Amino acid sequence: MSQHPLNLSLRFFLEMSALAVYGGWAWAHTPPPLHLFTGLGLPVVVAFLWTVLRSREPEDPAEAPPGRISPVTRLVLEALIFGLAILGLADIGAFRATWFFSGLLLLHYMLSYDRVAWMLKH
């Protein structure tokens, strides 16, 4: 179920939303001369880390290519990135968005039970 196109679309929406939250949070918490740089810079840094720190996926060979992290570490990284996005929404006072984002995230991981189970085993 984790590879279903609708679930992958939901995941993409959640990832882009998390990056937008990072930008909004940085914008709101930085003084005016710097908020343009932090509002754009923080999402770029998070996206860079998200891309570079990839894990071996179920369809990959048994040995992970060089530079990849373990699936469990990737799951922890995802939890950290999404969790901080939820905290960022709450911090800027967007409580309805916090609950909506949290609900969609929970739905995504419920639909991705096979991927999560595989990541926890490896």
PDB file of N, CA and C in Angstrom:
ATOM      1  N   MET A   1       0.816  -1.204   0.000  1.00  0.00           N
ATOM      2  CA  MET A   1       0.000   0.000   0.000  1.00  0.00           C
ATOM      3  C   MET A   1       0.854   1.260   0.000  1.00  0.00           C
ATOM      4  N   SER A   2       2.088   1.156   0.490  1.00  0.00           N
ATOM      5  CA  SER A   2       2.925   2.352   0.590  1.00  0.00           C
ATOM      6  C   SER A   2       3.308   2.910  -0.782  1.00  0.00           C
ATOM      7  N   GLN A   3       3.239   2.093  -1.832  1.00  0.00           N
ATOM      8  CA  GLN A   3       3.614   2.546  -3.173  1.00  0.00           C
ATOM      9  C   GLN A   3       2.413   2.935  -4.026  1.00  0.00           C
ATOM     10  N   HIS A   4       1.236   2.970  -3.431  1.00  0.00           N
ATOM     11  CA  HIS A   4       0.038   3.373  -4.164  1.00  0.00           C
ATOM     12  C   HIS A   4       0.188   4.841  -4.560  1.00  0.00           C
ATOM     13  N   PRO A   5      -0.172   5.202  -5.790  1.00  0.00           N
ATOM     14  CA  PRO A   5      -0.001   6.582  -6.245  1.00  0.00           C
ATOM     15  C   PRO A   5      -0.662   7.634  -5.349  1.00  0.00           C
ATOM     16  N   LEU A   6      -1.833   7.324  -4.788  1.00  0.00           N
ATOM     17  CA  LEU A   6      -2.486   8.300  -3.913  1.00  0.00           C
ATOM     18  C   LEU A   6      -1.691   8.497  -2.619  1.00  0.00           C
ATOM     19  N   ASN A   7      -1.141   7.414  -2.086  1.00  0.00           N
ATOM     20  CA  ASN A   7      -0.335   7.526  -0.869  1.00  0.00           C
ATOM     21  C   ASN A   7       0.977   8.249  -1.154  1.00  0.00           C
ATOM     22  N   LEU A   8       1.568   7.996  -2.300  1.00  0.00           N
ATOM     23  CA  LEU A   8       2.790   8.708  -2.675  1.00  0.00           C
ATOM     24  C   LEU A   8       2.508  10.196  -2.886  1.00  0.00           C
ATOM     25  N   SER A   9       1.340  10.509  -3.434  1.00  0.00           N
ATOM     26  CA  SER A   9       0.946  11.918  -3.584  1.00  0.00           C
ATOM     27  C   SER A   9       0.751  12.576  -2.224  1.00  0.00           C
ATOM     28  N   LEU A  10       0.148  11.855  -1.304  1.00  0.00           N
ATOM     29  CA  LEU A  10      -0.026  12.372   0.050  1.00  0.00           C
ATOM     30  C   LEU A  10       1.326  12.616   0.701  1.00  0.00           C
ATOM     31  N   ARG A  11       2.250  11.687   0.527  1.00  0.00           N
ATOM     32  CA  ARG A  11       3.589  11.847   1.098  1.00  0.00           C
ATOM     33  C   ARG A  11       4.279  13.078   0.510  1.00  0.00           C
ATOM     34  N   PHE A  12       4.161  13.258  -0.800  1.00  0.00           N
ATOM     35  CA  PHE A  12       4.768  14.432  -1.445  1.00  0.00           C
ATOM     36  C   PHE A  12       4.153  15.713  -0.880  1.00  0.00           C
ATOM     37  N   PHE A  13       2.833  15.737  -0.722  1.00  0.00           N
ATOM     38  CA  PHE A  13       2.159  16.898  -0.141  1.00  0.00           C
ATOM     39  C   PHE A  13       2.665  17.163   1.274  1.00  0.00           C
ATOM     40  N   LEU A  14       2.822  16.118   2.079  1.00  0.00           N
ATOM     41  CA  LEU A  14       3.308  16.279   3.446  1.00  0.00           C
ATOM     42  C   LEU A  14       4.745  16.808   3.474  1.00  0.00           C
ATOM     43  N   GLU A  15       5.580  16.297   2.586  1.00  0.00           N
ATOM     44  CA  GLU A  15       6.972  16.757   2.543  1.00  0.00           C
ATOM     45  C   GLU A  15       7.052  18.228   2.123  1.00  0.00           C
ATOM     46  N   MET A  16       6.304  18.608   1.090  1.00  0.00           N
ATOM     47  CA  MET A  16       6.325  20.006   0.646  1.00  0.00           C
ATOM     48  C   MET A  16       5.708  20.925   1.706  1.00  0.00           C
ATOM     49  N   SER A  17       4.675  20.443   2.372  1.00  0.00           N
ATOM     50  CA  SER A  17       4.058  21.235   3.442  1.00  0.00           C
ATOM     51  C   SER A  17       5.034  21.435   4.594  1.00  0.00           C
ATOM     52  N   ALA A  18       5.776  20.395   4.938  1.00  0.00           N
ATOM     53  CA  ALA A  18       6.762  20.518   6.017  1.00  0.00           C
ATOM     54  C   ALA A  18       7.816  21.562   5.656  1.00  0.00           C
ATOM     55  N   LEU A  19       8.268  21.555   4.416  1.00  0.00           N
ATOM     56  CA  LEU A  19       9.256  22.556   3.991  1.00  0.00           C
ATOM     57  C   LEU A  19       8.663  23.955   4.053  1.00  0.00           C
ATOM     58  N   ALA A  20       7.403  24.102   3.655  1.00  0.00           N
ATOM     59  CA  ALA A  20       6.752  25.415   3.735  1.00  0.00           C
ATOM     60  C   ALA A  20       6.616  25.869   5.189  1.00  0.00           C
ATOM     61  N   VAL A  21       6.332  24.932   6.081  1.00  0.00           N
ATOM     62  CA  VAL A  21       6.235  25.274   7.505  1.00  0.00           C
ATOM     63  C   VAL A  21       7.583  25.758   8.019  1.00  0.00           C
ATOM     64  N   TYR A  22       8.653  25.076   7.632  1.00  0.00           N
ATOM     65  CA  TYR A  22       9.985  25.523   8.058  1.00  0.00           C
ATOM     66  C   TYR A  22      10.258  26.946   7.586  1.00  0.00           C
ATOM     67  N   GLY A  23       9.880  27.250   6.359  1.00  0.00           N
ATOM     68  CA  GLY A  23      10.072  28.603   5.847  1.00  0.00           C
ATOM     69  C   GLY A  23       9.236  29.619   6.593  1.00  0.00           C
ATOM     70  N   GLY A  24       7.979  29.298   6.843  1.00  0.00           N
ATOM     71  CA  GLY A  24       7.100  30.210   7.574  1.00  0.00           C
ATOM     72  C   GLY A  24       7.550  30.422   9.006  1.00  0.00           C
ATOM     73  N   TRP A  25       7.996  29.351   9.637  1.00  0.00           N
ATOM     74  CA  TRP A  25       8.465  29.461  11.010  1.00  0.00           C
ATOM     75  C   TRP A  25       9.724  30.335  11.075  1.00  0.00           C
ATOM     76  N   ALA A  26      10.659  30.104  10.159  1.00  0.00           N
ATOM     77  CA  ALA A  26      11.888  30.895  10.148  1.00  0.00           C
ATOM     78  C   ALA A  26      11.582  32.355   9.852  1.00  0.00           C
ATOM     79  N   TRP A  27      10.664  32.605   8.939  1.00  0.00           N
ATOM     80  CA  TRP A  27      10.269  33.975   8.602  1.00  0.00           C
ATOM     81  C   TRP A  27       9.695  34.682   9.823  1.00  0.00           C
ATOM     82  N   ALA A  28       8.845  33.970  10.559  1.00  0.00           N
ATOM     83  CA  ALA A  28       8.174  34.575  11.712  1.00  0.00           C
ATOM     84  C   ALA A  28       9.101  34.820  12.893  1.00  0.00           C
ATOM     85  N   HIS A  29      10.207  34.091  12.966  1.00  0.00           N
ATOM     86  CA  HIS A  29      11.085  34.184  14.128  1.00  0.00           C
ATOM     87  C   HIS A  29      12.428  34.850  13.832  1.00  0.00           C
ATOM     88  N   THR A  30      12.518  35.547  12.730  1.00  0.00           N
ATOM     89  CA  THR A  30      13.761  36.219  12.370  1.00  0.00           C
ATOM     90  C   THR A  30      13.472  37.697  12.149  1.00  0.00           C
ATOM     91  N   PRO A  31      14.375  38.569  12.574  1.00  0.00           N
ATOM     92  CA  PRO A  31      14.170  40.002  12.341  1.00  0.00           C
ATOM     93  C   PRO A  31      14.107  40.325  10.845  1.00  0.00           C
ATOM     94  N   PRO A  32      13.382  41.395  10.487  1.00  0.00           N
ATOM     95  CA  PRO A  32      13.135  41.727   9.083  1.00  0.00           C
ATOM     96  C   PRO A  32      14.327  41.731   8.128  1.00  0.00           C
ATOM     97  N   PRO A  33      15.480  42.213   8.468  1.00  0.00           N
ATOM     98  CA  PRO A  33      16.514  42.160   7.427  1.00  0.00           C
ATOM     99  C   PRO A  33      16.930  40.740   7.049  1.00  0.00           C
ATOM    100  N   LEU A  34      16.807  39.814   7.985  1.00  0.00           N
ATOM    101  CA  LEU A  34      17.294  38.460   7.725  1.00  0.00           C
ATOM    102  C   LEU A  34      16.203  37.454   7.389  1.00  0.00           C
ATOM    103  N   HIS A  35      14.927  37.827   7.582  1.00  0.00           N
ATOM    104  CA  HIS A  35      13.890  36.817   7.419  1.00  0.00           C
ATOM    105  C   HIS A  35      13.772  36.278   5.994  1.00  0.00           C
ATOM    106  N   LEU A  36      14.185  37.037   5.004  1.00  0.00           N
ATOM    107  CA  LEU A  36      14.170  36.521   3.635  1.00  0.00           C
ATOM    108  C   LEU A  36      15.163  35.370   3.493  1.00  0.00           C
ATOM    109  N   PHE A  37      16.347  35.540   4.071  1.00  0.00           N
ATOM    110  CA  PHE A  37      17.374  34.495   3.966  1.00  0.00           C
ATOM    111  C   PHE A  37      17.016  33.258   4.783  1.00  0.00           C
ATOM    112  N   THR A  38      16.503  33.462   5.992  1.00  0.00           N
ATOM    113  CA  THR A  38      16.154  32.298   6.810  1.00  0.00           C
ATOM    114  C   THR A  38      14.883  31.634   6.313  1.00  0.00           C
ATOM    115  N   GLY A  39      13.929  32.431   5.834  1.00  0.00           N
ATOM    116  CA  GLY A  39      12.680  31.875   5.328  1.00  0.00           C
ATOM    117  C   GLY A  39      12.878  31.009   4.098  1.00  0.00           C
ATOM    118  N   LEU A  40      13.870  31.344   3.301  1.00  0.00           N
ATOM    119  CA  LEU A  40      14.197  30.523   2.132  1.00  0.00           C
ATOM    120  C   LEU A  40      15.296  29.510   2.434  1.00  0.00           C
ATOM    121  N   GLY A  41      16.219  29.904   3.300  1.00  0.00           N
ATOM    122  CA  GLY A  41      17.388  29.068   3.569  1.00  0.00           C
ATOM    123  C   GLY A  41      17.088  27.814   4.375  1.00  0.00           C
ATOM    124  N   LEU A  42      16.271  27.939   5.416  1.00  0.00           N
ATOM    125  CA  LEU A  42      15.984  26.764   6.243  1.00  0.00           C
ATOM    126  C   LEU A  42      15.311  25.652   5.445  1.00  0.00           C
ATOM    127  N   PRO A  43      14.290  25.942   4.633  1.00  0.00           N
ATOM    128  CA  PRO A  43      13.711  24.849   3.830  1.00  0.00           C
ATOM    129  C   PRO A  43      14.709  24.229   2.851  1.00  0.00           C
ATOM    130  N   VAL A  44      15.602  25.030   2.311  1.00  0.00           N
ATOM    131  CA  VAL A  44      16.607  24.498   1.386  1.00  0.00           C
ATOM    132  C   VAL A  44      17.555  23.546   2.123  1.00  0.00           C
ATOM    133  N   VAL A  45      17.984  23.933   3.320  1.00  0.00           N
ATOM    134  CA  VAL A  45      18.871  23.075   4.114  1.00  0.00           C
ATOM    135  C   VAL A  45      18.168  21.771   4.478  1.00  0.00           C
ATOM    136  N   VAL A  46      16.920  21.854   4.915  1.00  0.00           N
ATOM    137  CA  VAL A  46      16.168  20.646   5.278  1.00  0.00           C
ATOM    138  C   VAL A  46      15.967  19.757   4.048  1.00  0.00           C
ATOM    139  N   ALA A  47      15.621  20.342   2.917  1.00  0.00           N
ATOM    140  CA  ALA A  47      15.442  19.560   1.682  1.00  0.00           C
ATOM    141  C   ALA A  47      16.753  18.905   1.255  1.00  0.00           C
ATOM    142  N   PHE A  48      17.853  19.610   1.430  1.00  0.00           N
ATOM    143  CA  PHE A  48      19.162  19.049   1.088  1.00  0.00           C
ATOM    144  C   PHE A  48      19.452  17.833   1.966  1.00  0.00           C
ATOM    145  N   LEU A  49      19.243  17.975   3.271  1.00  0.00           N
ATOM    146  CA  LEU A  49      19.480  16.845   4.175  1.00  0.00           C
ATOM    147  C   LEU A  49      18.543  15.683   3.861  1.00  0.00           C
ATOM    148  N   TRP A  50      17.289  16.005   3.571  1.00  0.00           N
ATOM    149  CA  TRP A  50      16.296  14.989   3.240  1.00  0.00           C
ATOM    150  C   TRP A  50      16.735  14.187   2.013  1.00  0.00           C
ATOM    151  N   THR A  51      17.334  14.886   1.040  1.00  0.00           N
ATOM    152  CA  THR A  51      17.766  14.234  -0.202  1.00  0.00           C
ATOM    153  C   THR A  51      19.059  13.454  -0.017  1.00  0.00           C
ATOM    154  N   VAL A  52      20.012  14.044   0.667  1.00  0.00           N
ATOM    155  CA  VAL A  52      21.321  13.414   0.821  1.00  0.00           C
ATOM    156  C   VAL A  52      21.254  12.185   1.723  1.00  0.00           C
ATOM    157  N   LEU A  53      20.476  12.272   2.796  1.00  0.00           N
ATOM    158  CA  LEU A  53      20.407  11.176   3.753  1.00  0.00           C
ATOM    159  C   LEU A  53      19.303  10.198   3.354  1.00  0.00           C
ATOM    160  N   ARG A  54      19.536   9.518   2.253  1.00  0.00           N
ATOM    161  CA  ARG A  54      18.574   8.540   1.761  1.00  0.00           C
ATOM    162  C   ARG A  54      18.902   7.177   2.357  1.00  0.00           C
ATOM    163  N   SER A  55      17.908   6.339   2.442  1.00  0.00           N
ATOM    164  CA  SER A  55      18.138   4.988   2.949  1.00  0.00           C
ATOM    165  C   SER A  55      17.952   3.981   1.829  1.00  0.00           C
ATOM    166  N   ARG A  56      18.360   2.783   2.119  1.00  0.00           N
ATOM    167  CA  ARG A  56      18.132   1.681   1.193  1.00  0.00           C
ATOM    168  C   ARG A  56      16.649   1.353   1.254  1.00  0.00           C
ATOM    169  N   GLU A  57      16.026   1.187   0.124  1.00  0.00           N
ATOM    170  CA  GLU A  57      14.595   0.874   0.059  1.00  0.00           C
ATOM    171  C   GLU A  57      14.407  -0.620  -0.173  1.00  0.00           C
ATOM    172  N   PRO A  58      13.190  -1.138   0.032  1.00  0.00           N
ATOM    173  CA  PRO A  58      12.957  -2.583  -0.093  1.00  0.00           C
ATOM    174  C   PRO A  58      13.376  -3.186  -1.431  1.00  0.00           C
ATOM    175  N   GLU A  59      13.272  -2.430  -2.506  1.00  0.00           N
ATOM    176  CA  GLU A  59      13.619  -3.000  -3.816  1.00  0.00           C
ATOM    177  C   GLU A  59      15.115  -2.928  -4.134  1.00  0.00           C
ATOM    178  N   ASP A  60      15.910  -2.293  -3.259  1.00  0.00           N
ATOM    179  CA  ASP A  60      17.355  -2.207  -3.465  1.00  0.00           C
ATOM    180  C   ASP A  60      18.016  -3.542  -3.126  1.00  0.00           C
ATOM    181  N   PRO A  61      19.233  -3.752  -3.655  1.00  0.00           N
ATOM    182  CA  PRO A  61      19.971  -4.967  -3.282  1.00  0.00           C
ATOM    183  C   PRO A  61      20.237  -4.998  -1.773  1.00  0.00           C
ATOM    184  N   ALA A  62      20.667  -6.137  -1.281  1.00  0.00           N
ATOM    185  CA  ALA A  62      20.867  -6.323   0.171  1.00  0.00           C
ATOM    186  C   ALA A  62      21.864  -5.319   0.754  1.00  0.00           C
ATOM    187  N   GLU A  63      22.859  -4.956  -0.001  1.00  0.00           N
ATOM    188  CA  GLU A  63      23.852  -4.012   0.507  1.00  0.00           C
ATOM    189  C   GLU A  63      23.485  -2.600   0.091  1.00  0.00           C
ATOM    190  N   ALA A  64      23.492  -1.705   1.048  1.00  0.00           N
ATOM    191  CA  ALA A  64      23.164  -0.306   0.756  1.00  0.00           C
ATOM    192  C   ALA A  64      24.312   0.341   0.006  1.00  0.00           C
ATOM    193  N   PRO A  65      24.000   1.163  -1.001  1.00  0.00           N
ATOM    194  CA  PRO A  65      25.061   1.886  -1.704  1.00  0.00           C
ATOM    195  C   PRO A  65      25.796   2.812  -0.744  1.00  0.00           C
ATOM    196  N   PRO A  66      27.038   3.159  -1.059  1.00  0.00           N
ATOM    197  CA  PRO A  66      27.797   4.039  -0.171  1.00  0.00           C
ATOM    198  C   PRO A  66      27.087   5.370   0.051  1.00  0.00           C
ATOM    199  N   GLY A  67      27.162   5.890   1.257  1.00  0.00           N
ATOM    200  CA  GLY A  67      26.588   7.182   1.572  1.00  0.00           C
ATOM    201  C   GLY A  67      25.140   7.138   2.002  1.00  0.00           C
ATOM    202  N   ARG A  68      24.565   5.959   2.054  1.00  0.00           N
ATOM    203  CA  ARG A  68      23.166   5.861   2.472  1.00  0.00           C
ATOM    204  C   ARG A  68      23.096   5.450   3.936  1.00  0.00           C
ATOM    205  N   ILE A  69      22.028   5.880   4.574  1.00  0.00           N
ATOM    206  CA  ILE A  69      21.844   5.571   5.987  1.00  0.00           C
ATOM    207  C   ILE A  69      20.939   4.352   6.139  1.00  0.00           C
ATOM    208  N   SER A  70      20.904   3.793   7.320  1.00  0.00           N
ATOM    209  CA  SER A  70      20.062   2.621   7.551  1.00  0.00           C
ATOM    210  C   SER A  70      18.584   3.026   7.508  1.00  0.00           C
ATOM    211  N   PRO A  71      17.708   2.090   7.174  1.00  0.00           N
ATOM    212  CA  PRO A  71      16.283   2.409   7.134  1.00  0.00           C
ATOM    213  C   PRO A  71      15.729   2.901   8.478  1.00  0.00           C
ATOM    214  N   VAL A  72      16.209   2.341   9.576  1.00  0.00           N
ATOM    215  CA  VAL A  72      15.725   2.788  10.892  1.00  0.00           C
ATOM    216  C   VAL A  72      16.143   4.233  11.134  1.00  0.00           C
ATOM    217  N   THR A  73      17.368   4.569  10.773  1.00  0.00           N
ATOM    218  CA  THR A  73      17.841   5.949  10.919  1.00  0.00           C
ATOM    219  C   THR A  73      17.012   6.877  10.046  1.00  0.00           C
ATOM    220  N   ARG A  74      16.653   6.420   8.864  1.00  0.00           N
ATOM    221  CA  ARG A  74      15.818   7.226   7.972  1.00  0.00           C
ATOM    222  C   ARG A  74      14.444   7.462   8.586  1.00  0.00           C
ATOM    223  N   LEU A  75      13.878   6.440   9.203  1.00  0.00           N
ATOM    224  CA  LEU A  75      12.575   6.578   9.854  1.00  0.00           C
ATOM    225  C   LEU A  75      12.647   7.591  10.999  1.00  0.00           C
ATOM    226  N   VAL A  76      13.740   7.559  11.752  1.00  0.00           N
ATOM    227  CA  VAL A  76      13.935   8.533  12.836  1.00  0.00           C
ATOM    228  C   VAL A  76      14.079   9.937  12.260  1.00  0.00           C
ATOM    229  N   LEU A  77      14.816  10.065  11.145  1.00  0.00           N
ATOM    230  CA  LEU A  77      14.975  11.364  10.489  1.00  0.00           C
ATOM    231  C   LEU A  77      13.627  11.891  10.008  1.00  0.00           C
ATOM    232  N   GLU A  78      12.806  11.031   9.419  1.00  0.00           N
ATOM    233  CA  GLU A  78      11.471  11.441   8.990  1.00  0.00           C
ATOM    234  C   GLU A  78      10.639  11.914  10.177  1.00  0.00           C
ATOM    235  N   ALA A  79      10.692  11.156  11.265  1.00  0.00           N
ATOM    236  CA  ALA A  79       9.930  11.531  12.465  1.00  0.00           C
ATOM    237  C   ALA A  79      10.405  12.887  12.991  1.00  0.00           C
ATOM    238  N   LEU A  80      11.690  13.129  12.955  1.00  0.00           N
ATOM    239  CA  LEU A  80      12.243  14.402  13.412  1.00  0.00           C
ATOM    240  C   LEU A  80      11.790  15.553  12.516  1.00  0.00           C
ATOM    241  N   ILE A  81      11.884  15.378  11.210  1.00  0.00           N
ATOM    242  CA  ILE A  81      11.511  16.444  10.278  1.00  0.00           C
ATOM    243  C   ILE A  81      10.017  16.739  10.361  1.00  0.00           C
ATOM    244  N   PHE A  82       9.196  15.700  10.344  1.00  0.00           N
ATOM    245  CA  PHE A  82       7.753  15.922  10.430  1.00  0.00           C
ATOM    246  C   PHE A  82       7.352  16.422  11.815  1.00  0.00           C
ATOM    247  N   GLY A  83       7.967  15.885  12.855  1.00  0.00           N
ATOM    248  CA  GLY A  83       7.648  16.327  14.214  1.00  0.00           C
ATOM    249  C   GLY A  83       7.984  17.787  14.443  1.00  0.00           C
ATOM    250  N   LEU A  84       9.143  18.225  13.935  1.00  0.00           N
ATOM    251  CA  LEU A  84       9.504  19.638  14.073  1.00  0.00           C
ATOM    252  C   LEU A  84       8.578  20.535  13.256  1.00  0.00           C
ATOM    253  N   ALA A  85       8.088  20.035  12.132  1.00  0.00           N
ATOM    254  CA  ALA A  85       7.118  20.811  11.349  1.00  0.00           C
ATOM    255  C   ALA A  85       5.820  20.981  12.133  1.00  0.00           C
ATOM    256  N   ILE A  86       5.391  19.921  12.810  1.00  0.00           N
ATOM    257  CA  ILE A  86       4.184  20.013  13.641  1.00  0.00           C
ATOM    258  C   ILE A  86       4.395  21.018  14.765  1.00  0.00           C
ATOM    259  N   LEU A  87       5.548  20.947  15.421  1.00  0.00           N
ATOM    260  CA  LEU A  87       5.857  21.914  16.486  1.00  0.00           C
ATOM    261  C   LEU A  87       5.940  23.336  15.942  1.00  0.00           C
ATOM    262  N   GLY A  88       6.472  23.482  14.728  1.00  0.00           N
ATOM    263  CA  GLY A  88       6.556  24.802  14.106  1.00  0.00           C
ATOM    264  C   GLY A  88       5.179  25.391  13.841  1.00  0.00           C
ATOM    265  N   LEU A  89       4.262  24.564  13.355  1.00  0.00           N
ATOM    266  CA  LEU A  89       2.892  25.038  13.143  1.00  0.00           C
ATOM    267  C   LEU A  89       2.252  25.475  14.453  1.00  0.00           C
ATOM    268  N   ALA A  90       2.449  24.683  15.488  1.00  0.00           N
ATOM    269  CA  ALA A  90       1.886  25.035  16.793  1.00  0.00           C
ATOM    270  C   ALA A  90       2.524  26.308  17.334  1.00  0.00           C
ATOM    271  N   ASP A  91       3.820  26.464  17.108  1.00  0.00           N
ATOM    272  CA  ASP A  91       4.534  27.628  17.624  1.00  0.00           C
ATOM    273  C   ASP A  91       4.067  28.939  16.983  1.00  0.00           C
ATOM    274  N   ILE A  92       3.714  28.881  15.707  1.00  0.00           N
ATOM    275  CA  ILE A  92       3.249  30.117  15.058  1.00  0.00           C
ATOM    276  C   ILE A  92       1.741  30.312  15.233  1.00  0.00           C
ATOM    277  N   GLY A  93       1.106  29.418  15.982  1.00  0.00           N
ATOM    278  CA  GLY A  93      -0.304  29.594  16.325  1.00  0.00           C
ATOM    279  C   GLY A  93      -1.294  29.026  15.335  1.00  0.00           C
ATOM    280  N   ALA A  94      -0.844  28.220  14.404  1.00  0.00           N
ATOM    281  CA  ALA A  94      -1.739  27.618  13.410  1.00  0.00           C
ATOM    282  C   ALA A  94      -2.230  26.267  13.935  1.00  0.00           C
ATOM    283  N   PHE A  95      -3.105  26.300  14.924  1.00  0.00           N
ATOM    284  CA  PHE A  95      -3.497  25.080  15.613  1.00  0.00           C
ATOM    285  C   PHE A  95      -4.371  24.164  14.761  1.00  0.00           C
ATOM    286  N   ARG A  96      -5.259  24.735  13.959  1.00  0.00           N
ATOM    287  CA  ARG A  96      -6.064  23.880  13.070  1.00  0.00           C
ATOM    288  C   ARG A  96      -5.171  23.209  12.035  1.00  0.00           C
ATOM    289  N   ALA A  97      -4.226  23.946  11.495  1.00  0.00           N
ATOM    290  CA  ALA A  97      -3.285  23.366  10.533  1.00  0.00           C
ATOM    291  C   ALA A  97      -2.426  22.289  11.202  1.00  0.00           C
ATOM    292  N   THR A  98      -2.099  22.498  12.467  1.00  0.00           N
ATOM    293  CA  THR A  98      -1.317  21.504  13.211  1.00  0.00           C
ATOM    294  C   THR A  98      -2.079  20.191  13.295  1.00  0.00           C
ATOM    295  N   TRP A  99      -3.361  20.271  13.662  1.00  0.00           N
ATOM    296  CA  TRP A  99      -4.164  19.058  13.758  1.00  0.00           C
ATOM    297  C   TRP A  99      -4.393  18.415  12.396  1.00  0.00           C
ATOM    298  N   PHE A 100      -4.627  19.228  11.374  1.00  0.00           N
ATOM    299  CA  PHE A 100      -4.850  18.710  10.020  1.00  0.00           C
ATOM    300  C   PHE A 100      -3.593  17.994   9.509  1.00  0.00           C
ATOM    301  N   PHE A 101      -2.436  18.646   9.660  1.00  0.00           N
ATOM    302  CA  PHE A 101      -1.172  18.061   9.220  1.00  0.00           C
ATOM    303  C   PHE A 101      -0.897  16.770   9.989  1.00  0.00           C
ATOM    304  N   SER A 102      -1.116  16.792  11.297  1.00  0.00           N
ATOM    305  CA  SER A 102      -0.882  15.601  12.117  1.00  0.00           C
ATOM    306  C   SER A 102      -1.789  14.449  11.690  1.00  0.00           C
ATOM    307  N   GLY A 103      -3.040  14.749  11.398  1.00  0.00           N
ATOM    308  CA  GLY A 103      -3.977  13.720  10.957  1.00  0.00           C
ATOM    309  C   GLY A 103      -3.583  13.120   9.622  1.00  0.00           C
ATOM    310  N   LEU A 104      -3.188  13.970   8.680  1.00  0.00           N
ATOM    311  CA  LEU A 104      -2.738  13.456   7.385  1.00  0.00           C
ATOM    312  C   LEU A 104      -1.466  12.628   7.517  1.00  0.00           C
ATOM    313  N   LEU A 105      -0.576  13.057   8.402  1.00  0.00           N
ATOM    314  CA  LEU A 105       0.660  12.305   8.630  1.00  0.00           C
ATOM    315  C   LEU A 105       0.361  10.936   9.221  1.00  0.00           C
ATOM    316  N   LEU A 106      -0.538  10.897  10.176  1.00  0.00           N
ATOM    317  CA  LEU A 106      -0.939   9.627  10.768  1.00  0.00           C
ATOM    318  C   LEU A 106      -1.590   8.722   9.722  1.00  0.00           C
ATOM    319  N   LEU A 107      -2.451   9.278   8.893  1.00  0.00           N
ATOM    320  CA  LEU A 107      -3.071   8.508   7.813  1.00  0.00           C
ATOM    321  C   LEU A 107      -2.014   7.941   6.878  1.00  0.00           C
ATOM    322  N   HIS A 108      -1.042   8.769   6.506  1.00  0.00           N
ATOM    323  CA  HIS A 108       0.016   8.306   5.607  1.00  0.00           C
ATOM    324  C   HIS A 108       0.772   7.127   6.202  1.00  0.00           C
ATOM    325  N   TYR A 109       1.168   7.236   7.461  1.00  0.00           N
ATOM    326  CA  TYR A 109       1.937   6.147   8.059  1.00  0.00           C
ATOM    327  C   TYR A 109       1.076   4.910   8.316  1.00  0.00           C
ATOM    328  N   MET A 110      -0.216   5.091   8.513  1.00  0.00           N
ATOM    329  CA  MET A 110      -1.095   3.920   8.620  1.00  0.00           C
ATOM    330  C   MET A 110      -1.186   3.208   7.273  1.00  0.00           C
ATOM    331  N   LEU A 111      -1.257   3.975   6.189  1.00  0.00           N
ATOM    332  CA  LEU A 111      -1.302   3.378   4.854  1.00  0.00           C
ATOM    333  C   LEU A 111       0.049   2.800   4.445  1.00  0.00           C
ATOM    334  N   SER A 112       1.114   3.265   5.060  1.00  0.00           N
ATOM    335  CA  SER A 112       2.474   2.812   4.737  1.00  0.00           C
ATOM    336  C   SER A 112       2.977   1.794   5.747  1.00  0.00           C
ATOM    337  N   TYR A 113       2.072   1.050   6.362  1.00  0.00           N
ATOM    338  CA  TYR A 113       2.465   0.096   7.396  1.00  0.00           C
ATOM    339  C   TYR A 113       3.518  -0.890   6.890  1.00  0.00           C
ATOM    340  N   ASP A 114       3.427  -1.312   5.614  1.00  0.00           N
ATOM    341  CA  ASP A 114       4.399  -2.260   5.084  1.00  0.00           C
ATOM    342  C   ASP A 114       5.793  -1.646   5.003  1.00  0.00           C
ATOM    343  N   ARG A 115       5.884  -0.396   4.601  1.00  0.00           N
ATOM    344  CA  ARG A 115       7.178   0.303   4.534  1.00  0.00           C
ATOM    345  C   ARG A 115       7.758   0.508   5.930  1.00  0.00           C
ATOM    346  N   VAL A 116       6.925   0.933   6.873  1.00  0.00           N
ATOM    347  CA  VAL A 116       7.387   1.145   8.244  1.00  0.00           C
ATOM    348  C   VAL A 116       7.864  -0.153   8.860  1.00  0.00           C
ATOM    349  N   ALA A 117       7.116  -1.233   8.664  1.00  0.00           N
ATOM    350  CA  ALA A 117       7.525  -2.548   9.191  1.00  0.00           C
ATOM    351  C   ALA A 117       8.856  -2.978   8.593  1.00  0.00           C
ATOM    352  N   TRP A 118       9.023  -2.776   7.291  1.00  0.00           N
ATOM    353  CA  TRP A 118      10.291  -3.132   6.644  1.00  0.00           C
ATOM    354  C   TRP A 118      11.437  -2.291   7.204  1.00  0.00           C
ATOM    355  N   MET A 119      11.211  -0.987   7.400  1.00  0.00           N
ATOM    356  CA  MET A 119      12.271  -0.117   7.910  1.00  0.00           C
ATOM    357  C   MET A 119      12.661  -0.505   9.335  1.00  0.00           C
ATOM    358  N   LEU A 120      11.707  -0.904  10.137  1.00  0.00           N
ATOM    359  CA  LEU A 120      12.009  -1.290  11.523  1.00  0.00           C
ATOM    360  C   LEU A 120      12.778  -2.605  11.602  1.00  0.00           C
ATOM    361  N   LYS A 121      12.618  -3.464  10.605  1.00  0.00           N
ATOM    362  CA  LYS A 121      13.332  -4.760  10.591  1.00  0.00           C
ATOM    363  C   LYS A 121      14.780  -4.604  10.152  1.00  0.00           C
ATOM    364  N   HIS A 122      15.095  -3.555   9.414  1.00  0.00           N
ATOM    365  CA  HIS A 122      16.444  -3.422   8.846  1.00  0.00           C
ATOM    366  C   HIS A 122      17.198  -2.311   9.469  1.00  0.00           C
TER     367      HIS A 122
END
